[in-house]
Protein backbone atom coordinates (compact mmCIF):
# COMPACT_ATOMS: atom_id res chain seq x y z
CA MET A 1 120.34 106.21 297.52
CA SER A 2 123.71 105.96 299.26
CA ARG A 3 126.67 104.50 297.51
CA VAL A 4 126.66 100.74 297.23
CA THR A 5 129.99 98.80 296.72
CA LEU A 6 130.38 95.26 295.87
CA PHE A 7 133.73 93.61 296.56
CA ASP A 8 133.63 90.39 294.39
CA TYR A 9 135.34 88.20 291.91
CA PHE A 10 133.60 87.71 288.49
CA ARG A 11 133.73 83.90 288.54
CA SER A 12 132.90 83.53 292.28
CA SER A 13 129.51 81.69 292.51
CA ALA A 14 128.57 83.54 295.65
CA SER A 15 129.46 86.90 294.08
CA TYR A 16 127.49 85.96 291.10
CA ARG A 17 124.36 85.30 293.20
CA VAL A 18 124.64 88.80 294.76
CA ARG A 19 125.07 90.46 291.39
CA ILE A 20 121.91 88.81 290.15
CA ALA A 21 120.05 89.94 293.29
CA LEU A 22 121.18 93.48 293.01
CA ASN A 23 120.13 93.62 289.37
CA LEU A 24 116.72 92.13 290.12
CA LYS A 25 116.19 94.73 292.80
CA GLY A 26 117.31 97.47 290.54
CA VAL A 27 120.14 98.60 292.88
CA THR A 28 123.06 100.53 291.26
CA TYR A 29 126.34 99.47 292.64
CA GLU A 30 130.11 99.83 292.02
CA ARG A 31 132.19 96.69 291.70
CA VAL A 32 135.61 96.29 293.27
CA ASP A 33 137.47 93.20 291.92
CA ILE A 34 139.13 90.97 294.43
CA SER A 35 141.09 88.36 292.43
CA LEU A 36 140.89 84.99 294.06
CA LEU A 37 143.61 83.63 291.72
CA ASP A 38 146.00 86.47 292.83
CA GLY A 39 145.19 85.88 296.43
CA ASP A 40 143.62 89.31 296.97
CA GLN A 41 141.03 87.82 299.41
CA ARG A 42 143.86 87.32 301.96
CA THR A 43 145.11 90.87 301.94
CA PRO A 44 144.77 92.88 305.15
CA ALA A 45 142.32 95.16 303.53
CA ASN A 46 139.98 92.36 302.48
CA LEU A 47 140.22 90.53 305.85
CA ALA A 48 139.28 93.74 307.52
CA ARG A 49 135.99 93.87 305.61
CA ASN A 50 135.52 90.05 305.45
CA PRO A 51 137.15 88.20 308.26
CA GLN A 52 136.85 84.87 306.49
CA GLY A 53 138.85 86.23 303.62
CA PHE A 54 136.00 85.51 301.23
CA VAL A 55 134.01 87.29 298.66
CA PRO A 56 131.50 88.90 298.31
CA THR A 57 131.29 91.77 300.74
CA LEU A 58 128.58 94.35 300.22
CA GLU A 59 128.93 97.93 301.66
CA ILE A 60 125.46 99.44 301.84
CA ASP A 61 123.65 101.87 304.07
CA GLY A 62 126.68 102.07 306.40
CA HIS A 63 126.82 98.36 306.79
CA ARG A 64 129.37 95.91 305.65
CA LEU A 65 127.53 92.60 304.88
CA THR A 66 129.16 89.14 304.04
CA GLN A 67 127.83 85.67 303.04
CA SER A 68 125.80 85.80 299.87
CA LEU A 69 122.60 84.42 301.29
CA ALA A 70 122.71 86.87 304.16
CA ILE A 71 123.29 89.71 301.78
CA ILE A 72 120.39 88.56 299.62
CA ASP A 73 118.16 88.41 302.58
CA TYR A 74 119.10 91.99 303.46
CA LEU A 75 118.24 93.19 300.01
CA ASP A 76 115.01 91.39 299.95
CA ALA A 77 114.05 93.02 303.19
CA LYS A 78 115.09 96.48 302.18
CA TYR A 79 113.87 96.37 298.56
CA PRO A 80 110.78 94.09 298.86
CA ASP A 81 109.78 94.32 295.20
CA PRO A 82 110.21 91.88 293.52
CA PRO A 83 110.30 89.47 296.44
CA LEU A 84 112.92 86.71 296.23
CA VAL A 85 111.38 84.59 298.98
CA SER A 86 107.68 84.08 299.64
CA GLN A 87 106.15 85.11 302.95
CA ASP A 88 104.09 81.95 303.04
CA PRO A 89 105.85 79.66 305.44
CA ALA A 90 105.67 76.49 303.46
CA THR A 91 106.65 78.15 300.20
CA ARG A 92 109.52 79.98 301.92
CA ALA A 93 110.76 76.65 303.43
CA ALA A 94 110.68 75.03 300.08
CA THR A 95 112.52 77.83 298.48
CA LEU A 96 115.20 77.79 301.20
CA ALA A 97 115.67 74.10 300.94
CA GLN A 98 116.30 74.33 297.12
CA ALA A 99 118.69 77.26 297.61
CA LEU A 100 120.58 75.49 300.30
CA VAL A 101 121.04 72.26 298.26
CA ILE A 102 123.47 74.51 296.33
CA ALA A 103 124.63 77.05 298.76
CA ALA A 104 125.15 74.73 301.70
CA ASP A 105 125.79 71.27 300.14
CA ILE A 106 127.34 71.65 296.68
CA HIS A 107 129.17 74.84 296.72
CA PRO A 108 131.21 74.71 299.99
CA ILE A 109 133.01 71.41 299.02
CA ASP A 110 133.64 72.41 295.44
CA ASN A 111 134.87 76.03 295.87
CA LEU A 112 138.36 77.17 294.86
CA ARG A 113 140.01 76.87 298.41
CA VAL A 114 138.87 73.28 298.58
CA LEU A 115 140.13 72.37 295.22
CA LYS A 116 143.47 74.11 296.11
CA TYR A 117 143.69 72.07 299.33
CA LEU A 118 143.11 68.90 297.30
CA LYS A 119 146.07 69.92 294.99
CA ASP A 120 148.53 71.61 297.31
CA VAL A 121 148.10 69.50 300.50
CA LEU A 122 146.72 66.17 299.51
CA GLY A 123 148.45 66.02 296.13
CA VAL A 124 145.35 65.12 294.01
CA ASP A 125 145.99 65.56 290.27
CA GLN A 126 143.84 67.67 287.86
CA ASP A 127 141.74 64.59 286.91
CA GLY A 128 141.13 63.76 290.38
CA ARG A 129 140.05 67.19 291.33
CA ASP A 130 137.67 67.36 288.35
CA THR A 131 136.13 64.03 289.33
CA TRP A 132 135.67 65.33 292.88
CA TYR A 133 133.96 68.45 291.51
CA ARG A 134 131.65 66.63 289.09
CA HIS A 135 130.58 64.00 291.60
CA TRP A 136 129.40 66.44 294.31
CA VAL A 137 127.66 68.73 291.72
CA ALA A 138 125.94 65.79 290.16
CA GLU A 139 124.70 64.49 293.43
CA GLY A 140 123.30 67.83 294.40
CA LEU A 141 121.67 68.42 291.03
CA ARG A 142 120.01 65.05 291.05
CA ALA A 143 118.27 65.97 294.33
CA LEU A 144 117.42 69.41 293.02
CA GLU A 145 115.95 68.11 289.82
CA ALA A 146 113.60 65.92 291.83
CA MET A 147 112.71 68.76 294.15
CA ALA A 148 111.86 70.85 291.08
CA VAL A 149 109.38 68.39 289.57
CA ASP A 150 106.40 70.79 290.07
CA ALA A 151 108.33 73.98 289.23
CA GLY A 152 106.77 76.62 287.03
CA ALA A 153 108.67 78.80 284.61
CA PHE A 154 111.23 79.23 287.33
CA LEU A 155 112.06 77.52 290.68
CA GLY A 156 110.49 80.56 292.17
CA GLY A 157 107.17 79.94 290.35
CA ASP A 158 106.28 82.49 287.64
CA ARG A 159 109.24 84.68 288.40
CA PRO A 160 112.75 84.01 289.56
CA GLY A 161 113.57 83.75 293.27
CA LEU A 162 116.28 82.88 295.58
CA ALA A 163 116.62 79.31 294.36
CA ASP A 164 116.98 80.57 290.76
CA ILE A 165 119.70 83.06 291.93
CA CYS A 166 121.63 80.08 293.32
CA LEU A 167 120.95 77.60 290.39
CA VAL A 168 122.39 79.76 287.56
CA PRO A 169 125.87 80.31 288.90
CA GLN A 170 125.99 76.50 289.88
CA LEU A 171 125.19 75.48 286.26
CA PHE A 172 127.72 77.99 284.87
CA ASN A 173 130.38 76.19 286.89
CA ALA A 174 129.02 72.74 286.08
CA ARG A 175 129.63 73.56 282.44
CA ARG A 176 133.09 74.98 283.10
CA PHE A 177 133.99 71.50 284.61
CA SER A 178 132.38 69.64 281.67
CA LEU A 179 129.57 68.03 283.70
CA PRO A 180 126.90 66.60 281.35
CA LEU A 181 123.53 68.20 282.08
CA ASP A 182 121.30 65.94 280.19
CA ASP A 183 119.84 64.40 283.28
CA TYR A 184 118.43 67.81 284.56
CA PRO A 185 115.96 68.92 281.94
CA ILE A 186 113.95 70.90 284.45
CA LEU A 187 116.98 72.73 285.72
CA THR A 188 118.41 73.48 282.40
CA ARG A 189 115.06 74.76 281.15
CA ILE A 190 114.85 77.13 284.09
CA ASP A 191 118.48 78.15 283.64
CA ALA A 192 117.66 79.14 279.95
CA ALA A 193 114.69 81.13 281.08
CA CYS A 194 116.85 83.02 283.57
CA ALA A 195 119.60 83.64 280.96
CA ALA A 196 117.03 85.41 278.81
CA LEU A 197 116.47 88.06 281.61
CA GLU A 198 118.68 90.99 281.58
CA PRO A 199 119.32 90.98 285.41
CA PHE A 200 120.84 87.47 285.01
CA ALA A 201 122.70 88.26 281.76
CA ALA A 202 124.24 91.44 283.14
CA ALA A 203 125.56 89.49 286.19
CA HIS A 204 127.16 86.71 284.00
CA PRO A 205 130.89 86.23 284.57
CA ASP A 206 131.73 86.66 280.95
CA ARG A 207 130.18 90.07 280.73
CA VAL A 208 131.44 91.14 284.16
CA GLY A 209 134.83 89.85 283.43
CA ALA A 210 135.05 91.71 280.09
CA GLN A 211 134.24 95.01 281.84
CA ALA A 212 136.90 94.59 284.47
């Protein structure tokens, strides 16, 4: 197998997703830390590999891939076992809908650059930014909890899939911002089941940050 390099930041939700996917697929990779707090994402070197100035970027098979869901889609196609998205059209659509509640609706308006804009440009204080964050996360999680009413052991059924990969980083961040999770018993049950699996545990920011 050729060398695989992941350019990421340990607390980035999108990077966390990709680490979980790589671990579930059993792909060995090297991490290169891109500190979002230090502004490493805006350096010429990172912009050359990721024109948006984001993380993660995955270098694999001579390709340079960006956007976490696109990277995970590549991994799922290249390493089909275990599958992260069903080939059944209806099941696939349901999985993508759950994943996108987080990746398209919650995460983009709550990520670091948005919170910094609220602070630096609009002058919103810390309490205001935290209230903003918790509002949008809670709104998305309420919908996802309803969508998960028939979930099995995982959102993906009897084994974790793409939606679970998106859920775990989002709940990690919800706890960081002190969002009460009592209203989401299905999601927290699934999160606990994922946490018990080594591919998820090894991708956790606390473990990754300690290794940096």
